[in-house]
Amino acid sequence: AGQHQEGLAWCLERLGQSPASDLLLLRYALEFALELGQEGA
């Protein structure tokens, strides 16, 4: 749907609770960041 900013924010909120526990969350968060040009950060 192109909701990359919302998707990244949602993933980061949950990763903040357990950063390394969910590879699926990390994968989508990274893909959203790539779409937004924020992969470096």
Full PDB file with SEQRES, HELIX, SHEET, SSBOND, CRYST1, ORIGX, SCALE, CONECT and MASTER records, all heavy atoms in Angstrom:
SEQRES   1 A   41  ALA GLY GLN HIS GLN GLU GLY LEU ALA TRP CYS LEU GLU          
SEQRES   2 A   41  ARG LEU GLY GLN SER PRO ALA SER ASP LEU LEU LEU LEU          
SEQRES   3 A   41  ARG TYR ALA LEU GLU PHE ALA LEU GLU LEU GLY GLN GLU          
SEQRES   4 A   41  GLY ALA                                                      
HELIX    1 AA1 HIS A    4  LEU A   15  1                                  12    
HELIX    2 AA2 LEU A   23  LEU A   36  1                                  14    
CRYST1    1.000    1.000    1.000  90.00  90.00  90.00 P 1           1          
ORIGX1      1.000000  0.000000  0.000000        0.00000                         
ORIGX2      0.000000  1.000000  0.000000        0.00000                         
ORIGX3      0.000000  0.000000  1.000000        0.00000                         
SCALE1      1.000000  0.000000  0.000000        0.00000                         
SCALE2      0.000000  1.000000  0.000000        0.00000                         
SCALE3      0.000000  0.000000  1.000000        0.00000                         
ATOM      1  N   ALA A   1       0.814  -1.209   0.000  1.00  0.00           N  
ATOM      2  CA  ALA A   1       0.000   0.000   0.000  1.00  0.00           C  
ATOM      3  C   ALA A   1       0.850   1.262   0.000  1.00  0.00           C  
ATOM      4  O   ALA A   1       0.310   2.374  -0.040  1.00  0.00           O  
ATOM      5  CB  ALA A   1      -0.930   0.007   1.204  1.00  0.00           C  
ATOM      6  N   GLY A   2       2.173   1.094   0.079  1.00  0.00           N  
ATOM      7  CA  GLY A   2       3.047   2.262   0.111  1.00  0.00           C  
ATOM      8  C   GLY A   2       3.079   2.950   1.465  1.00  0.00           C  
ATOM      9  O   GLY A   2       3.522   4.095   1.579  1.00  0.00           O  
ATOM     10  N   GLN A   3       2.612   2.253   2.514  1.00  0.00           N  
ATOM     11  CA  GLN A   3       2.588   2.830   3.864  1.00  0.00           C  
ATOM     12  C   GLN A   3       3.919   2.550   4.559  1.00  0.00           C  
ATOM     13  O   GLN A   3       3.994   1.929   5.617  1.00  0.00           O  
ATOM     14  CB  GLN A   3       1.423   2.239   4.660  1.00  0.00           C  
ATOM     15  CG  GLN A   3       0.057   2.544   4.059  1.00  0.00           C  
ATOM     16  CD  GLN A   3      -1.068   1.766   4.722  1.00  0.00           C  
ATOM     17  OE1 GLN A   3      -0.834   0.817   5.479  1.00  0.00           O  
ATOM     18  NE2 GLN A   3      -2.306   2.149   4.428  1.00  0.00           N  
ATOM     19  N   HIS A   4       4.982   3.037   3.964  1.00  0.00           N  
ATOM     20  CA  HIS A   4       6.318   2.677   4.437  1.00  0.00           C  
ATOM     21  C   HIS A   4       6.694   3.426   5.711  1.00  0.00           C  
ATOM     22  O   HIS A   4       7.327   2.851   6.603  1.00  0.00           O  
ATOM     23  CB  HIS A   4       7.332   2.933   3.323  1.00  0.00           C  
ATOM     24  CG  HIS A   4       6.996   2.223   2.049  1.00  0.00           C  
ATOM     25  ND1 HIS A   4       7.145   2.772   0.797  1.00  0.00           N  
ATOM     26  CD2 HIS A   4       6.469   0.985   1.829  1.00  0.00           C  
ATOM     27  CE1 HIS A   4       6.758   1.917  -0.125  1.00  0.00           C  
ATOM     28  NE2 HIS A   4       6.332   0.826   0.481  1.00  0.00           N  
ATOM     29  N   GLN A   5       6.307   4.694   5.800  1.00  0.00           N  
ATOM     30  CA  GLN A   5       6.616   5.450   7.014  1.00  0.00           C  
ATOM     31  C   GLN A   5       5.855   4.869   8.208  1.00  0.00           C  
ATOM     32  O   GLN A   5       6.434   4.682   9.286  1.00  0.00           O  
ATOM     33  CB  GLN A   5       6.239   6.916   6.818  1.00  0.00           C  
ATOM     34  CG  GLN A   5       6.796   7.839   7.888  1.00  0.00           C  
ATOM     35  CD  GLN A   5       8.309   7.966   7.812  1.00  0.00           C  
ATOM     36  OE1 GLN A   5       8.863   8.370   6.808  1.00  0.00           O  
ATOM     37  NE2 GLN A   5       8.986   7.605   8.882  1.00  0.00           N  
ATOM     38  N   GLU A   6       4.557   4.579   7.995  1.00  0.00           N  
ATOM     39  CA  GLU A   6       3.760   4.000   9.079  1.00  0.00           C  
ATOM     40  C   GLU A   6       4.277   2.618   9.459  1.00  0.00           C  
ATOM     41  O   GLU A   6       4.348   2.277  10.651  1.00  0.00           O  
ATOM     42  CB  GLU A   6       2.295   3.895   8.651  1.00  0.00           C  
ATOM     43  CG  GLU A   6       1.642   5.238   8.348  1.00  0.00           C  
ATOM     44  CD  GLU A   6       1.824   5.676   6.896  1.00  0.00           C  
ATOM     45  OE1 GLU A   6       2.783   5.184   6.250  1.00  0.00           O  
ATOM     46  OE2 GLU A   6       1.035   6.496   6.409  1.00  0.00           O  
ATOM     47  N   GLY A   7       4.646   1.812   8.434  1.00  0.00           N  
ATOM     48  CA  GLY A   7       5.154   0.473   8.711  1.00  0.00           C  
ATOM     49  C   GLY A   7       6.455   0.499   9.481  1.00  0.00           C  
ATOM     50  O   GLY A   7       6.656  -0.292  10.418  1.00  0.00           O  
ATOM     51  N   LEU A   8       7.342   1.426   9.107  1.00  0.00           N  
ATOM     52  CA  LEU A   8       8.622   1.518   9.814  1.00  0.00           C  
ATOM     53  C   LEU A   8       8.395   1.936  11.258  1.00  0.00           C  
ATOM     54  O   LEU A   8       8.996   1.365  12.185  1.00  0.00           O  
ATOM     55  CB  LEU A   8       9.526   2.517   9.099  1.00  0.00           C  
ATOM     56  CG  LEU A   8      10.894   2.763   9.746  1.00  0.00           C  
ATOM     57  CD1 LEU A   8      11.698   1.468   9.838  1.00  0.00           C  
ATOM     58  CD2 LEU A   8      11.683   3.811   8.955  1.00  0.00           C  
ATOM     59  N   ALA A   9       7.534   2.920  11.489  1.00  0.00           N  
ATOM     60  CA  ALA A   9       7.268   3.378  12.851  1.00  0.00           C  
ATOM     61  C   ALA A   9       6.678   2.251  13.702  1.00  0.00           C  
ATOM     62  O   ALA A   9       7.051   2.071  14.870  1.00  0.00           O  
ATOM     63  CB  ALA A   9       6.307   4.573  12.822  1.00  0.00           C  
ATOM     64  N   TRP A  10       5.761   1.481  13.116  1.00  0.00           N  
ATOM     65  CA  TRP A  10       5.134   0.369  13.841  1.00  0.00           C  
ATOM     66  C   TRP A  10       6.181  -0.678  14.232  1.00  0.00           C  
ATOM     67  O   TRP A  10       6.190  -1.177  15.354  1.00  0.00           O  
ATOM     68  CB  TRP A  10       4.061  -0.244  12.952  1.00  0.00           C  
ATOM     69  CG  TRP A  10       3.146  -1.219  13.634  1.00  0.00           C  
ATOM     70  CD1 TRP A  10       1.995  -0.958  14.296  1.00  0.00           C  
ATOM     71  CD2 TRP A  10       3.330  -2.649  13.702  1.00  0.00           C  
ATOM     72  NE1 TRP A  10       1.430  -2.115  14.775  1.00  0.00           N  
ATOM     73  CE2 TRP A  10       2.229  -3.181  14.421  1.00  0.00           C  
ATOM     74  CE3 TRP A  10       4.298  -3.524  13.226  1.00  0.00           C  
ATOM     75  CZ2 TRP A  10       2.087  -4.528  14.682  1.00  0.00           C  
ATOM     76  CZ3 TRP A  10       4.157  -4.884  13.483  1.00  0.00           C  
ATOM     77  CH2 TRP A  10       3.056  -5.366  14.191  1.00  0.00           C  
ATOM     78  N   CYS A  11       7.067  -0.999  13.283  1.00  0.00           N  
ATOM     79  CA  CYS A  11       8.116  -1.992  13.561  1.00  0.00           C  
ATOM     80  C   CYS A  11       9.086  -1.489  14.626  1.00  0.00           C  
ATOM     81  O   CYS A  11       9.469  -2.235  15.547  1.00  0.00           O  
ATOM     82  CB  CYS A  11       8.881  -2.320  12.288  1.00  0.00           C  
ATOM     83  SG  CYS A  11       7.946  -3.240  11.057  1.00  0.00           S  
ATOM     84  N   LEU A  12       9.491  -0.224  14.507  1.00  0.00           N  
ATOM     85  CA  LEU A  12      10.460   0.316  15.461  1.00  0.00           C  
ATOM     86  C   LEU A  12       9.885   0.347  16.877  1.00  0.00           C  
ATOM     87  O   LEU A  12      10.606   0.106  17.850  1.00  0.00           O  
ATOM     88  CB  LEU A  12      10.881   1.722  15.039  1.00  0.00           C  
ATOM     89  CG  LEU A  12      11.780   1.808  13.794  1.00  0.00           C  
ATOM     90  CD1 LEU A  12      12.048   3.259  13.418  1.00  0.00           C  
ATOM     91  CD2 LEU A  12      13.089   1.068  14.020  1.00  0.00           C  
ATOM     92  N   GLU A  13       8.594   0.635  16.984  1.00  0.00           N  
ATOM     93  CA  GLU A  13       7.967   0.655  18.310  1.00  0.00           C  
ATOM     94  C   GLU A  13       8.061  -0.712  18.975  1.00  0.00           C  
ATOM     95  O   GLU A  13       8.383  -0.811  20.164  1.00  0.00           O  
ATOM     96  CB  GLU A  13       6.512   1.084  18.178  1.00  0.00           C  
ATOM     97  CG  GLU A  13       5.774   1.138  19.506  1.00  0.00           C  
ATOM     98  CD  GLU A  13       4.318   1.529  19.342  1.00  0.00           C  
ATOM     99  OE1 GLU A  13       3.924   1.930  18.226  1.00  0.00           O  
ATOM    100  OE2 GLU A  13       3.559   1.410  20.326  1.00  0.00           O  
ATOM    101  N   ARG A  14       7.817  -1.754  18.213  1.00  0.00           N  
ATOM    102  CA  ARG A  14       7.867  -3.102  18.786  1.00  0.00           C  
ATOM    103  C   ARG A  14       9.296  -3.602  18.962  1.00  0.00           C  
ATOM    104  O   ARG A  14       9.587  -4.329  19.905  1.00  0.00           O  
ATOM    105  CB  ARG A  14       7.052  -4.051  17.906  1.00  0.00           C  
ATOM    106  CG  ARG A  14       5.574  -3.960  18.224  1.00  0.00           C  
ATOM    107  CD  ARG A  14       4.669  -4.116  17.032  1.00  0.00           C  
ATOM    108  NE  ARG A  14       3.279  -3.816  17.424  1.00  0.00           N  
ATOM    109  CZ  ARG A  14       2.816  -2.567  17.512  1.00  0.00           C  
ATOM    110  NH1 ARG A  14       3.601  -1.537  17.241  1.00  0.00           N  
ATOM    111  NH2 ARG A  14       1.553  -2.358  17.890  1.00  0.00           N  
ATOM    112  N   LEU A  15      10.168  -3.200  18.063  1.00  0.00           N  
ATOM    113  CA  LEU A  15      11.567  -3.587  18.222  1.00  0.00           C  
ATOM    114  C   LEU A  15      12.204  -2.900  19.419  1.00  0.00           C  
ATOM    115  O   LEU A  15      13.174  -3.406  19.988  1.00  0.00           O  
ATOM    116  CB  LEU A  15      12.346  -3.253  16.943  1.00  0.00           C  
ATOM    117  CG  LEU A  15      12.063  -4.153  15.737  1.00  0.00           C  
ATOM    118  CD1 LEU A  15      12.677  -3.572  14.474  1.00  0.00           C  
ATOM    119  CD2 LEU A  15      12.583  -5.563  15.972  1.00  0.00           C  
ATOM    120  N   GLY A  16      11.666  -1.751  19.802  1.00  0.00           N  
ATOM    121  CA  GLY A  16      12.185  -1.073  20.982  1.00  0.00           C  
ATOM    122  C   GLY A  16      11.934  -1.850  22.259  1.00  0.00           C  
ATOM    123  O   GLY A  16      12.652  -1.682  23.249  1.00  0.00           O  
ATOM    124  N   GLN A  17      10.934  -2.716  22.215  1.00  0.00           N  
ATOM    125  CA  GLN A  17      10.632  -3.535  23.396  1.00  0.00           C  
ATOM    126  C   GLN A  17      11.529  -4.761  23.462  1.00  0.00           C  
ATOM    127  O   GLN A  17      11.934  -5.186  24.534  1.00  0.00           O  
ATOM    128  CB  GLN A  17       9.158  -3.950  23.360  1.00  0.00           C  
ATOM    129  CG  GLN A  17       8.198  -2.759  23.295  1.00  0.00           C  
ATOM    130  CD  GLN A  17       6.780  -3.170  22.919  1.00  0.00           C  
ATOM    131  OE1 GLN A  17       6.470  -4.353  22.848  1.00  0.00           O  
ATOM    132  NE2 GLN A  17       5.921  -2.180  22.673  1.00  0.00           N  
ATOM    133  N   SER A  18      11.832  -5.374  22.305  1.00  0.00           N  
ATOM    134  CA  SER A  18      12.723  -6.556  22.266  1.00  0.00           C  
ATOM    135  C   SER A  18      13.465  -6.516  20.931  1.00  0.00           C  
ATOM    136  O   SER A  18      13.054  -7.163  19.979  1.00  0.00           O  
ATOM    137  CB  SER A  18      11.912  -7.846  22.407  1.00  0.00           C  
ATOM    138  OG  SER A  18      10.851  -7.860  21.463  1.00  0.00           O  
ATOM    139  N   PRO A  19      14.535  -5.717  20.813  1.00  0.00           N  
ATOM    140  CA  PRO A  19      15.172  -5.402  19.539  1.00  0.00           C  
ATOM    141  C   PRO A  19      15.593  -6.585  18.683  1.00  0.00           C  
ATOM    142  O   PRO A  19      15.524  -6.507  17.472  1.00  0.00           O  
ATOM    143  CB  PRO A  19      16.404  -4.586  19.962  1.00  0.00           C  
ATOM    144  CG  PRO A  19      16.055  -4.027  21.295  1.00  0.00           C  
ATOM    145  CD  PRO A  19      15.176  -5.061  21.943  1.00  0.00           C  
ATOM    146  N   ALA A  20      16.038  -7.657  19.278  1.00  0.00           N  
ATOM    147  CA  ALA A  20      16.594  -8.737  18.453  1.00  0.00           C  
ATOM    148  C   ALA A  20      15.727  -9.988  18.445  1.00  0.00           C  
ATOM    149  O   ALA A  20      16.171 -11.043  18.032  1.00  0.00           O  
ATOM    150  CB  ALA A  20      17.999  -9.085  18.949  1.00  0.00           C  
ATOM    151  N   SER A  21      14.514  -9.871  18.919  1.00  0.00           N  
ATOM    152  CA  SER A  21      13.736 -11.097  19.099  1.00  0.00           C  
ATOM    153  C   SER A  21      12.922 -11.513  17.892  1.00  0.00           C  
ATOM    154  O   SER A  21      12.458 -12.639  17.826  1.00  0.00           O  
ATOM    155  CB  SER A  21      12.786 -10.925  20.305  1.00  0.00           C  
ATOM    156  OG  SER A  21      11.858  -9.880  20.012  1.00  0.00           O  
ATOM    157  N   ASP A  22      12.742 -10.629  16.938  1.00  0.00           N  
ATOM    158  CA  ASP A  22      11.822 -10.930  15.839  1.00  0.00           C  
ATOM    159  C   ASP A  22      12.478 -10.592  14.506  1.00  0.00           C  
ATOM    160  O   ASP A  22      12.532  -9.432  14.094  1.00  0.00           O  
ATOM    161  CB  ASP A  22      10.524 -10.132  16.018  1.00  0.00           C  
ATOM    162  CG  ASP A  22       9.405 -10.655  15.120  1.00  0.00           C  
ATOM    163  OD1 ASP A  22       9.728 -11.153  14.025  1.00  0.00           O  
ATOM    164  OD2 ASP A  22       8.231 -10.566  15.517  1.00  0.00           O  
ATOM    165  N   LEU A  23      12.989 -11.625  13.818  1.00  0.00           N  
ATOM    166  CA  LEU A  23      13.653 -11.398  12.532  1.00  0.00           C  
ATOM    167  C   LEU A  23      12.687 -10.880  11.484  1.00  0.00           C  
ATOM    168  O   LEU A  23      13.083 -10.115  10.587  1.00  0.00           O  
ATOM    169  CB  LEU A  23      14.308 -12.699  12.039  1.00  0.00           C  
ATOM    170  CG  LEU A  23      15.593 -13.121  12.736  1.00  0.00           C  
ATOM    171  CD1 LEU A  23      16.092 -14.442  12.163  1.00  0.00           C  
ATOM    172  CD2 LEU A  23      16.665 -12.052  12.573  1.00  0.00           C  
ATOM    173  N   LEU A  24      11.411 -11.280  11.567  1.00  0.00           N  
ATOM    174  CA  LEU A  24      10.440 -10.797  10.593  1.00  0.00           C  
ATOM    175  C   LEU A  24      10.243  -9.289  10.735  1.00  0.00           C  
ATOM    176  O   LEU A  24      10.186  -8.552   9.739  1.00  0.00           O  
ATOM    177  CB  LEU A  24       9.112 -11.529  10.769  1.00  0.00           C  
ATOM    178  CG  LEU A  24       8.031 -11.192   9.726  1.00  0.00           C  
ATOM    179  CD1 LEU A  24       8.480 -11.625   8.325  1.00  0.00           C  
ATOM    180  CD2 LEU A  24       6.706 -11.849  10.081  1.00  0.00           C  
ATOM    181  N   LEU A  25      10.140  -8.814  11.985  1.00  0.00           N  
ATOM    182  CA  LEU A  25      10.016  -7.383  12.216  1.00  0.00           C  
ATOM    183  C   LEU A  25      11.234  -6.632  11.690  1.00  0.00           C  
ATOM    184  O   LEU A  25      11.126  -5.587  11.045  1.00  0.00           O  
ATOM    185  CB  LEU A  25       9.845  -7.096  13.706  1.00  0.00           C  
ATOM    186  CG  LEU A  25       8.427  -7.149  14.297  1.00  0.00           C  
ATOM    187  CD1 LEU A  25       8.481  -6.866  15.785  1.00  0.00           C  
ATOM    188  CD2 LEU A  25       7.522  -6.156  13.601  1.00  0.00           C  
ATOM    189  N   LEU A  26      12.420  -7.176  11.956  1.00  0.00           N  
ATOM    190  CA  LEU A  26      13.651  -6.546  11.490  1.00  0.00           C  
ATOM    191  C   LEU A  26      13.704  -6.514   9.973  1.00  0.00           C  
ATOM    192  O   LEU A  26      14.112  -5.516   9.370  1.00  0.00           O  
ATOM    193  CB  LEU A  26      14.866  -7.303  12.037  1.00  0.00           C  
ATOM    194  CG  LEU A  26      15.203  -7.066  13.506  1.00  0.00           C  
ATOM    195  CD1 LEU A  26      16.201  -8.090  13.999  1.00  0.00           C  
ATOM    196  CD2 LEU A  26      15.746  -5.649  13.710  1.00  0.00           C  
ATOM    197  N   ARG A  27      13.269  -7.592   9.354  1.00  0.00           N  
ATOM    198  CA  ARG A  27      13.308  -7.669   7.896  1.00  0.00           C  
ATOM    199  C   ARG A  27      12.408  -6.600   7.272  1.00  0.00           C  
ATOM    200  O   ARG A  27      12.817  -5.860   6.356  1.00  0.00           O  
ATOM    201  CB  ARG A  27      12.876  -9.067   7.457  1.00  0.00           C  
ATOM    202  CG  ARG A  27      12.738  -9.223   5.944  1.00  0.00           C  
ATOM    203  CD  ARG A  27      11.286  -9.244   5.551  1.00  0.00           C  
ATOM    204  NE  ARG A  27      11.117  -8.991   4.129  1.00  0.00           N  
ATOM    205  CZ  ARG A  27      10.123  -9.448   3.423  1.00  0.00           C  
ATOM    206  NH1 ARG A  27       9.199 -10.166   4.002  1.00  0.00           N  
ATOM    207  NH2 ARG A  27      10.001  -9.157   2.161  1.00  0.00           N  
ATOM    208  N   TYR A  28      11.160  -6.495   7.755  1.00  0.00           N  
ATOM    209  CA  TYR A  28      10.253  -5.504   7.185  1.00  0.00           C  
ATOM    210  C   TYR A  28      10.681  -4.088   7.544  1.00  0.00           C  
ATOM    211  O   TYR A  28      10.557  -3.166   6.729  1.00  0.00           O  
ATOM    212  CB  TYR A  28       8.814  -5.768   7.633  1.00  0.00           C  
ATOM    213  CG  TYR A  28       8.097  -6.727   6.727  1.00  0.00           C  
ATOM    214  CD1 TYR A  28       7.915  -8.050   7.091  1.00  0.00           C  
ATOM    215  CD2 TYR A  28       7.617  -6.310   5.488  1.00  0.00           C  
ATOM    216  CE1 TYR A  28       7.266  -8.942   6.245  1.00  0.00           C  
ATOM    217  CE2 TYR A  28       6.969  -7.193   4.643  1.00  0.00           C  
ATOM    218  CZ  TYR A  28       6.797  -8.506   5.018  1.00  0.00           C  
ATOM    219  OH  TYR A  28       6.163  -9.387   4.177  1.00  0.00           O  
ATOM    220  N   ALA A  29      11.190  -3.908   8.755  1.00  0.00           N  
ATOM    221  CA  ALA A  29      11.662  -2.574   9.141  1.00  0.00           C  
ATOM    222  C   ALA A  29      12.780  -2.123   8.205  1.00  0.00           C  
ATOM    223  O   ALA A  29      12.804  -0.966   7.753  1.00  0.00           O  
ATOM    224  CB  ALA A  29      12.142  -2.590  10.590  1.00  0.00           C  
ATOM    225  N   LEU A  30      13.695  -3.030   7.898  1.00  0.00           N  
ATOM    226  CA  LEU A  30      14.791  -2.690   6.996  1.00  0.00           C  
ATOM    227  C   LEU A  30      14.274  -2.409   5.583  1.00  0.00           C  
ATOM    228  O   LEU A  30      14.736  -1.484   4.905  1.00  0.00           O  
ATOM    229  CB  LEU A  30      15.824  -3.819   6.971  1.00  0.00           C  
ATOM    230  CG  LEU A  30      17.046  -3.601   6.059  1.00  0.00           C  
ATOM    231  CD1 LEU A  30      17.759  -2.298   6.409  1.00  0.00           C  
ATOM    232  CD2 LEU A  30      17.997  -4.784   6.162  1.00  0.00           C  
ATOM    233  N   GLU A  31      13.297  -3.179   5.138  1.00  0.00           N  
ATOM    234  CA  GLU A  31      12.753  -2.947   3.802  1.00  0.00           C  
ATOM    235  C   GLU A  31      12.017  -1.608   3.739  1.00  0.00           C  
ATOM    236  O   GLU A  31      12.136  -0.866   2.748  1.00  0.00           O  
ATOM    237  CB  GLU A  31      11.820  -4.086   3.396  1.00  0.00           C  
ATOM    238  CG  GLU A  31      11.419  -4.023   1.925  1.00  0.00           C  
ATOM    239  CD  GLU A  31      10.755  -5.295   1.428  1.00  0.00           C  
ATOM    240  OE1 GLU A  31      10.276  -6.089   2.271  1.00  0.00           O  
ATOM    241  OE2 GLU A  31      10.713  -5.490   0.209  1.00  0.00           O  
ATOM    242  N   PHE A  32      11.270  -1.282   4.781  1.00  0.00           N  
ATOM    243  CA  PHE A  32      10.615   0.025   4.823  1.00  0.00           C  
ATOM    244  C   PHE A  32      11.662   1.140   4.806  1.00  0.00           C  
ATOM    245  O   PHE A  32      11.495   2.156   4.118  1.00  0.00           O  
ATOM    246  CB  PHE A  32       9.743   0.153   6.074  1.00  0.00           C  
ATOM    247  CG  PHE A  32       8.498  -0.695   6.065  1.00  0.00           C  
ATOM    248  CD1 PHE A  32       8.089  -1.386   7.200  1.00  0.00           C  
ATOM    249  CD2 PHE A  32       7.723  -0.794   4.919  1.00  0.00           C  
ATOM    250  CE1 PHE A  32       6.933  -2.161   7.202  1.00  0.00           C  
ATOM    251  CE2 PHE A  32       6.560  -1.566   4.903  1.00  0.00           C  
ATOM    252  CZ  PHE A  32       6.173  -2.259   6.045  1.00  0.00           C  
ATOM    253  N   ALA A  33      12.721   0.957   5.583  1.00  0.00           N  
ATOM    254  CA  ALA A  33      13.779   1.975   5.628  1.00  0.00           C  
ATOM    255  C   ALA A  33      14.421   2.145   4.252  1.00  0.00           C  
ATOM    256  O   ALA A  33      14.728   3.271   3.833  1.00  0.00           O  
ATOM    257  CB  ALA A  33      14.824   1.586   6.670  1.00  0.00           C  
ATOM    258  N   LEU A  34      14.612   1.040   3.563  1.00  0.00           N  
ATOM    259  CA  LEU A  34      15.165   1.108   2.205  1.00  0.00           C  
ATOM    260  C   LEU A  34      14.257   1.901   1.279  1.00  0.00           C  
ATOM    261  O   LEU A  34      14.720   2.718   0.475  1.00  0.00           O  
ATOM    262  CB  LEU A  34      15.351  -0.314   1.660  1.00  0.00           C  
ATOM    263  CG  LEU A  34      16.752  -0.915   1.678  1.00  0.00           C  
ATOM    264  CD1 LEU A  34      16.691  -2.389   1.271  1.00  0.00           C  
ATOM    265  CD2 LEU A  34      17.675  -0.160   0.735  1.00  0.00           C  
ATOM    266  N   GLU A  35      12.968   1.646   1.354  1.00  0.00           N  
ATOM    267  CA  GLU A  35      12.019   2.359   0.515  1.00  0.00           C  
ATOM    268  C   GLU A  35      12.061   3.861   0.785  1.00  0.00           C  
ATOM    269  O   GLU A  35      11.868   4.669  -0.130  1.00  0.00           O  
ATOM    270  CB  GLU A  35      10.593   1.843   0.751  1.00  0.00           C  
ATOM    271  CG  GLU A  35      10.354   0.405   0.339  1.00  0.00           C  
ATOM    272  CD  GLU A  35      10.133   0.270  -1.173  1.00  0.00           C  
ATOM    273  OE1 GLU A  35      10.177   1.282  -1.885  1.00  0.00           O  
ATOM    274  OE2 GLU A  35       9.920  -0.871  -1.623  1.00  0.00           O  
ATOM    275  N   LEU A  36      12.342   4.226   2.035  1.00  0.00           N  
ATOM    276  CA  LEU A  36      12.334   5.633   2.442  1.00  0.00           C  
ATOM    277  C   LEU A  36      13.701   6.279   2.338  1.00  0.00           C  
ATOM    278  O   LEU A  36      13.844   7.479   2.621  1.00  0.00           O  
ATOM    279  CB  LEU A  36      11.819   5.746   3.881  1.00  0.00           C  
ATOM    280  CG  LEU A  36      10.367   5.288   4.114  1.00  0.00           C  
ATOM    281  CD1 LEU A  36      10.093   5.112   5.596  1.00  0.00           C  
ATOM    282  CD2 LEU A  36       9.401   6.309   3.508  1.00  0.00           C  
ATOM    283  N   GLY A  37      14.720   5.501   1.964  1.00  0.00           N  
ATOM    284  CA  GLY A  37      16.075   6.040   1.911  1.00  0.00           C  
ATOM    285  C   GLY A  37      16.677   6.261   3.279  1.00  0.00           C  
ATOM    286  O   GLY A  37      17.593   7.085   3.436  1.00  0.00           O  
ATOM    287  N   GLN A  38      16.193   5.537   4.279  1.00  0.00           N  
ATOM    288  CA  GLN A  38      16.662   5.712   5.661  1.00  0.00           C  
ATOM    289  C   GLN A  38      17.430   4.488   6.158  1.00  0.00           C  
ATOM    290  O   GLN A  38      17.550   4.271   7.364  1.00  0.00           O  
ATOM    291  CB  GLN A  38      15.463   5.981   6.575  1.00  0.00           C  
ATOM    292  CG  GLN A  38      14.681   7.237   6.209  1.00  0.00           C  
ATOM    293  CD  GLN A  38      13.419   7.409   7.046  1.00  0.00           C  
ATOM    294  OE1 GLN A  38      13.262   6.776   8.097  1.00  0.00           O  
ATOM    295  NE2 GLN A  38      12.503   8.258   6.584  1.00  0.00           N  
ATOM    296  N   GLU A  39      17.966   3.684   5.226  1.00  0.00           N  
ATOM    297  CA  GLU A  39      18.625   2.451   5.652  1.00  0.00           C  
ATOM    298  C   GLU A  39      19.889   2.712   6.464  1.00  0.00           C  
ATOM    299  O   GLU A  39      20.245   1.937   7.364  1.00  0.00           O  
ATOM    300  CB  GLU A  39      18.939   1.570   4.443  1.00  0.00           C  
ATOM    301  CG  GLU A  39      19.969   2.130   3.467  1.00  0.00           C  
ATOM    302  CD  GLU A  39      19.378   3.105   2.472  1.00  0.00           C  
ATOM    303  OE1 GLU A  39      18.169   3.402   2.548  1.00  0.00           O  
ATOM    304  OE2 GLU A  39      20.151   3.569   1.604  1.00  0.00           O  
ATOM    305  N   GLY A  40      20.604   3.820   6.167  1.00  0.00           N  
ATOM    306  CA  GLY A  40      21.821   4.128   6.919  1.00  0.00           C  
ATOM    307  C   GLY A  40      21.523   4.365   8.382  1.00  0.00           C  
ATOM    308  O   GLY A  40      22.196   3.813   9.268  1.00  0.00           O  
ATOM    309  N   ALA A  41      20.518   5.187   8.655  1.00  0.00           N  
ATOM    310  CA  ALA A  41      20.141   5.466  10.039  1.00  0.00           C  
ATOM    311  C   ALA A  41      19.636   4.206  10.734  1.00  0.00           C  
ATOM    312  O   ALA A  41      19.909   3.986  11.921  1.00  0.00           O  
ATOM    313  CB  ALA A  41      19.062   6.552  10.068  1.00  0.00           C  
TER     314      ALA A  41                                                      
MASTER        0    0    0    2    0    0    0    6  313    1    0    4          
END                                                                             
